[in-house]
């Protein structure tokens, strides 16, 4: 592999022996608040032998912004849509006749 290509594709730290440690994969088992009393202890017991799984309780609050509701007029007014494309050159192009091929 060329030096340039090797530099553009660095090895991950997980496979690099120079760091002397590996990345750890963590899986989160998220329990909703409404079901904490019913499920939390069961799930902790279920995953006790798997060090890659951590059982946590949902702590987010407030409405789900991904709910698909339409934005209010105030929200629309605050949002600005910008066209980031380069503007066209002003003027018109001259009419060009196609070449006369034999």
N, C-alpha and C. Protein backbone atom coordinates (compact mmCIF):
# COMPACT_ATOMS: atom_id res chain seq x y z
N UNK A 1 0.86 -1.17 0.00
CA UNK A 1 0.00 0.00 0.00
C UNK A 1 0.90 1.23 0.00
N UNK A 2 0.55 2.21 -0.81
CA UNK A 2 1.38 3.41 -0.88
C UNK A 2 1.28 4.21 0.40
N UNK A 3 2.26 5.04 0.62
CA UNK A 3 2.29 5.84 1.83
C UNK A 3 1.11 6.81 1.88
N UNK A 4 0.77 7.40 0.73
CA UNK A 4 -0.35 8.35 0.66
C UNK A 4 -1.66 7.65 0.98
N UNK A 5 -1.87 6.50 0.40
CA UNK A 5 -3.11 5.78 0.64
C UNK A 5 -3.20 5.30 2.10
N UNK A 6 -2.09 4.88 2.63
CA UNK A 6 -2.09 4.42 4.03
C UNK A 6 -2.45 5.57 4.96
N UNK A 7 -2.00 6.77 4.64
CA UNK A 7 -2.30 7.92 5.49
C UNK A 7 -3.77 8.30 5.41
N UNK A 8 -4.40 8.06 4.26
CA UNK A 8 -5.80 8.44 4.13
C UNK A 8 -6.74 7.41 4.73
N UNK A 9 -6.23 6.24 5.07
CA UNK A 9 -7.04 5.20 5.70
C UNK A 9 -6.34 4.74 6.98
N UNK A 10 -6.37 5.58 8.03
CA UNK A 10 -5.65 5.19 9.24
C UNK A 10 -6.31 3.99 9.91
N UNK A 11 -5.49 3.21 10.60
CA UNK A 11 -6.02 2.07 11.33
C UNK A 11 -6.80 2.56 12.54
N UNK A 12 -7.77 1.78 12.94
CA UNK A 12 -8.51 2.16 14.13
C UNK A 12 -7.67 1.88 15.36
N UNK A 13 -7.96 2.57 16.43
CA UNK A 13 -7.22 2.37 17.67
C UNK A 13 -7.47 0.98 18.25
N UNK A 14 -8.60 0.39 17.90
CA UNK A 14 -8.90 -0.93 18.44
C UNK A 14 -7.92 -1.98 17.93
N UNK A 15 -7.45 -1.81 16.69
CA UNK A 15 -6.56 -2.81 16.13
C UNK A 15 -5.10 -2.40 16.23
N UNK A 16 -4.82 -1.21 16.69
CA UNK A 16 -3.45 -0.72 16.76
C UNK A 16 -2.80 -1.16 18.07
N UNK A 17 -1.76 -1.97 17.97
CA UNK A 17 -1.09 -2.47 19.15
C UNK A 17 -0.32 -1.40 19.91
N UNK A 18 -0.02 -0.27 19.27
CA UNK A 18 0.75 0.78 19.92
C UNK A 18 -0.01 1.41 21.08
N UNK A 19 -1.31 1.36 21.04
CA UNK A 19 -2.10 1.96 22.11
C UNK A 19 -2.25 1.02 23.30
N UNK A 20 -2.09 -0.26 23.08
CA UNK A 20 -2.11 -1.21 24.17
C UNK A 20 -3.47 -1.46 24.78
N UNK A 21 -4.53 -1.00 24.17
CA UNK A 21 -5.87 -1.26 24.71
C UNK A 21 -6.86 -1.40 23.57
N UNK A 22 -7.96 -1.97 23.85
CA UNK A 22 -8.98 -2.19 22.83
C UNK A 22 -10.22 -1.37 23.16
N UNK A 23 -10.95 -1.01 22.12
CA UNK A 23 -12.22 -0.33 22.34
C UNK A 23 -13.23 -1.35 22.83
N UNK A 24 -14.11 -0.94 23.72
CA UNK A 24 -15.10 -1.85 24.28
C UNK A 24 -16.46 -1.54 23.69
N UNK A 25 -17.14 -2.56 23.23
CA UNK A 25 -18.48 -2.41 22.70
C UNK A 25 -19.46 -2.42 23.86
N UNK A 26 -20.34 -1.41 23.90
CA UNK A 26 -21.33 -1.32 24.96
C UNK A 26 -22.71 -1.29 24.33
N UNK A 27 -23.59 -2.12 24.83
CA UNK A 27 -24.98 -2.15 24.38
C UNK A 27 -25.82 -1.63 25.53
N UNK A 28 -26.69 -0.66 25.24
CA UNK A 28 -27.55 -0.10 26.27
C UNK A 28 -28.95 -0.67 26.15
N UNK A 29 -29.45 -1.20 27.23
CA UNK A 29 -30.83 -1.65 27.32
C UNK A 29 -31.58 -0.53 28.05
N UNK A 30 -32.41 0.21 27.30
CA UNK A 30 -33.07 1.39 27.85
C UNK A 30 -34.47 1.03 28.33
N UNK A 31 -34.74 1.31 29.59
CA UNK A 31 -36.03 1.02 30.20
C UNK A 31 -36.83 2.32 30.31
N UNK A 32 -38.04 2.37 29.77
CA UNK A 32 -38.87 3.58 29.92
C UNK A 32 -39.23 3.79 31.39
N UNK A 33 -39.40 5.06 31.77
CA UNK A 33 -39.71 5.38 33.17
C UNK A 33 -40.97 4.68 33.67
N UNK A 34 -41.94 4.57 32.79
CA UNK A 34 -43.22 3.97 33.19
C UNK A 34 -43.06 2.50 33.58
N UNK A 35 -42.02 1.84 33.07
CA UNK A 35 -41.84 0.40 33.33
C UNK A 35 -40.67 0.09 34.25
N UNK A 36 -40.10 1.09 34.90
CA UNK A 36 -38.93 0.88 35.75
C UNK A 36 -39.22 -0.13 36.85
N UNK A 37 -40.32 0.04 37.58
CA UNK A 37 -40.63 -0.86 38.69
C UNK A 37 -40.80 -2.30 38.22
N UNK A 38 -41.34 -2.45 37.04
CA UNK A 38 -41.64 -3.79 36.53
C UNK A 38 -40.44 -4.46 35.86
N UNK A 39 -39.62 -3.69 35.13
CA UNK A 39 -38.60 -4.31 34.29
C UNK A 39 -37.15 -4.14 34.73
N UNK A 40 -36.82 -3.07 35.42
CA UNK A 40 -35.41 -2.76 35.66
C UNK A 40 -34.66 -3.91 36.34
N UNK A 41 -35.15 -4.38 37.46
CA UNK A 41 -34.46 -5.46 38.18
C UNK A 41 -34.38 -6.74 37.35
N UNK A 42 -35.45 -7.03 36.59
CA UNK A 42 -35.44 -8.23 35.74
C UNK A 42 -34.36 -8.14 34.67
N UNK A 43 -34.24 -6.95 34.04
CA UNK A 43 -33.27 -6.81 32.96
C UNK A 43 -31.83 -6.79 33.50
N UNK A 44 -31.61 -6.18 34.66
CA UNK A 44 -30.28 -6.21 35.26
C UNK A 44 -29.89 -7.64 35.57
N UNK A 45 -30.80 -8.41 36.11
CA UNK A 45 -30.53 -9.82 36.41
C UNK A 45 -30.29 -10.62 35.13
N UNK A 46 -31.08 -10.34 34.10
CA UNK A 46 -30.96 -11.07 32.82
C UNK A 46 -29.59 -10.84 32.18
N UNK A 47 -29.09 -9.61 32.23
CA UNK A 47 -27.83 -9.27 31.57
C UNK A 47 -26.63 -9.25 32.52
N UNK A 48 -26.75 -9.77 33.71
CA UNK A 48 -25.67 -9.70 34.69
C UNK A 48 -24.40 -10.42 34.23
N UNK A 49 -24.52 -11.45 33.41
CA UNK A 49 -23.37 -12.20 32.94
C UNK A 49 -22.77 -11.65 31.65
N UNK A 50 -23.39 -10.63 31.07
CA UNK A 50 -22.89 -10.04 29.83
C UNK A 50 -22.30 -8.66 30.14
N UNK A 51 -20.97 -8.53 30.17
CA UNK A 51 -20.35 -7.24 30.53
C UNK A 51 -20.53 -6.16 29.47
N UNK A 52 -20.97 -6.54 28.27
CA UNK A 52 -21.15 -5.57 27.20
C UNK A 52 -22.49 -4.86 27.26
N UNK A 53 -23.40 -5.31 28.12
CA UNK A 53 -24.74 -4.73 28.20
C UNK A 53 -24.88 -3.93 29.48
N UNK A 54 -25.36 -2.68 29.33
CA UNK A 54 -25.62 -1.82 30.47
C UNK A 54 -27.11 -1.47 30.45
N UNK A 55 -27.79 -1.68 31.54
CA UNK A 55 -29.21 -1.37 31.64
C UNK A 55 -29.34 0.04 32.22
N UNK A 56 -30.07 0.90 31.51
CA UNK A 56 -30.25 2.28 31.96
C UNK A 56 -31.73 2.65 31.92
N UNK A 57 -32.07 3.72 32.63
CA UNK A 57 -33.46 4.21 32.68
C UNK A 57 -33.56 5.45 31.80
N UNK A 58 -34.61 5.52 31.01
CA UNK A 58 -34.87 6.66 30.15
C UNK A 58 -35.03 7.92 30.99
N UNK A 59 -34.26 8.96 30.69
CA UNK A 59 -34.33 10.18 31.48
C UNK A 59 -34.75 11.40 30.66
N UNK A 60 -34.96 11.24 29.36
CA UNK A 60 -35.34 12.40 28.53
C UNK A 60 -36.70 12.91 28.92
N UNK A 61 -36.88 14.21 28.80
CA UNK A 61 -38.15 14.85 29.12
C UNK A 61 -38.60 15.70 27.95
N UNK A 62 -39.86 16.08 27.99
CA UNK A 62 -40.38 17.00 26.98
C UNK A 62 -40.94 16.26 25.77
N UNK A 63 -41.52 17.02 24.86
CA UNK A 63 -42.14 16.40 23.68
C UNK A 63 -41.08 15.87 22.72
N UNK A 64 -41.45 14.87 21.98
CA UNK A 64 -40.58 14.29 20.97
C UNK A 64 -40.61 15.21 19.75
N UNK A 65 -39.47 15.79 19.42
CA UNK A 65 -39.43 16.73 18.30
C UNK A 65 -39.52 16.03 16.95
N UNK A 66 -39.40 14.73 16.94
CA UNK A 66 -39.50 13.99 15.69
C UNK A 66 -40.93 13.54 15.42
N UNK A 67 -41.89 14.03 16.16
CA UNK A 67 -43.25 13.52 16.10
C UNK A 67 -43.95 13.80 14.78
N UNK A 68 -43.40 14.67 13.94
CA UNK A 68 -44.00 14.92 12.64
C UNK A 68 -45.07 15.99 12.67
N UNK A 69 -45.18 16.74 13.75
CA UNK A 69 -46.18 17.80 13.80
C UNK A 69 -45.71 18.96 12.93
N UNK A 70 -46.68 19.69 12.42
CA UNK A 70 -46.34 20.82 11.57
C UNK A 70 -45.84 21.98 12.43
N UNK A 71 -44.82 22.70 11.95
CA UNK A 71 -44.29 23.81 12.74
C UNK A 71 -45.28 24.96 12.85
N UNK A 72 -45.21 25.67 13.94
CA UNK A 72 -46.09 26.83 14.15
C UNK A 72 -45.63 27.96 13.25
N UNK A 73 -46.49 28.97 13.01
CA UNK A 73 -46.06 30.11 12.19
C UNK A 73 -44.82 30.82 12.75
N UNK A 74 -44.69 30.84 14.08
CA UNK A 74 -43.50 31.46 14.66
C UNK A 74 -42.25 30.66 14.30
N UNK A 75 -42.37 29.33 14.33
CA UNK A 75 -41.23 28.49 13.96
C UNK A 75 -40.85 28.69 12.50
N UNK A 76 -41.86 28.78 11.65
CA UNK A 76 -41.59 28.98 10.22
C UNK A 76 -40.93 30.33 9.98
N UNK A 77 -41.33 31.33 10.74
CA UNK A 77 -40.77 32.66 10.57
C UNK A 77 -39.30 32.70 10.98
N UNK A 78 -38.94 31.93 12.01
CA UNK A 78 -37.56 31.90 12.46
C UNK A 78 -36.65 31.13 11.52
N UNK A 79 -37.20 30.14 10.84
CA UNK A 79 -36.40 29.30 9.97
C UNK A 79 -36.18 30.00 8.64
N UNK A 80 -34.93 30.03 8.20
CA UNK A 80 -34.61 30.64 6.92
C UNK A 80 -34.06 29.56 6.01
N UNK A 81 -34.63 29.47 4.83
CA UNK A 81 -34.13 28.53 3.83
C UNK A 81 -33.23 29.31 2.90
N UNK A 82 -32.02 28.84 2.76
CA UNK A 82 -31.06 29.54 1.91
C UNK A 82 -30.66 28.64 0.76
N UNK A 83 -30.56 29.25 -0.41
CA UNK A 83 -30.07 28.53 -1.57
C UNK A 83 -28.57 28.73 -1.62
N UNK A 84 -27.82 27.69 -1.38
CA UNK A 84 -26.37 27.80 -1.29
C UNK A 84 -25.68 27.58 -2.62
N UNK A 85 -26.47 27.34 -3.65
CA UNK A 85 -25.84 27.14 -4.96
C UNK A 85 -25.35 28.47 -5.51
N UNK A 86 -24.35 28.39 -6.35
CA UNK A 86 -23.80 29.59 -6.97
C UNK A 86 -24.85 30.17 -7.92
N UNK A 87 -25.00 31.49 -7.90
CA UNK A 87 -25.98 32.12 -8.78
C UNK A 87 -25.50 32.06 -10.22
N UNK A 88 -26.45 32.07 -11.14
CA UNK A 88 -26.12 32.01 -12.56
C UNK A 88 -25.53 33.33 -13.02
N UNK A 89 -24.76 33.23 -14.07
CA UNK A 89 -24.18 34.42 -14.67
C UNK A 89 -25.30 35.20 -15.34
N UNK A 90 -25.39 36.52 -15.09
CA UNK A 90 -26.46 37.29 -15.71
C UNK A 90 -26.26 37.41 -17.22
N UNK A 91 -27.36 37.54 -17.93
CA UNK A 91 -27.29 37.70 -19.38
C UNK A 91 -27.87 36.50 -20.10
N UNK A 92 -27.75 36.53 -21.41
CA UNK A 92 -28.26 35.43 -22.23
C UNK A 92 -27.14 34.90 -23.09
N UNK A 93 -27.33 33.72 -23.60
CA UNK A 93 -26.36 33.11 -24.48
C UNK A 93 -26.76 33.40 -25.93
N UNK A 94 -25.77 33.63 -26.80
CA UNK A 94 -26.11 33.88 -28.22
C UNK A 94 -26.61 32.61 -28.89
N UNK A 95 -27.42 32.78 -29.92
CA UNK A 95 -27.88 31.63 -30.69
C UNK A 95 -26.70 31.08 -31.48
N UNK A 96 -26.55 29.79 -31.46
CA UNK A 96 -25.45 29.14 -32.16
C UNK A 96 -26.03 28.13 -33.13
N UNK A 97 -25.51 28.18 -34.35
CA UNK A 97 -25.96 27.24 -35.37
C UNK A 97 -25.15 25.96 -35.23
N UNK A 98 -25.79 24.81 -35.41
CA UNK A 98 -25.04 23.56 -35.36
C UNK A 98 -24.05 23.48 -36.54
N UNK A 99 -22.94 22.78 -36.36
CA UNK A 99 -21.98 22.68 -37.46
C UNK A 99 -22.58 21.90 -38.61
N UNK A 100 -22.16 22.29 -39.81
CA UNK A 100 -22.65 21.63 -41.04
C UNK A 100 -21.72 20.49 -41.36
N UNK A 101 -22.08 19.28 -40.98
CA UNK A 101 -21.27 18.10 -41.26
C UNK A 101 -21.75 17.49 -42.57
N UNK A 102 -20.81 16.93 -43.33
CA UNK A 102 -21.15 16.34 -44.63
C UNK A 102 -21.65 14.95 -44.50
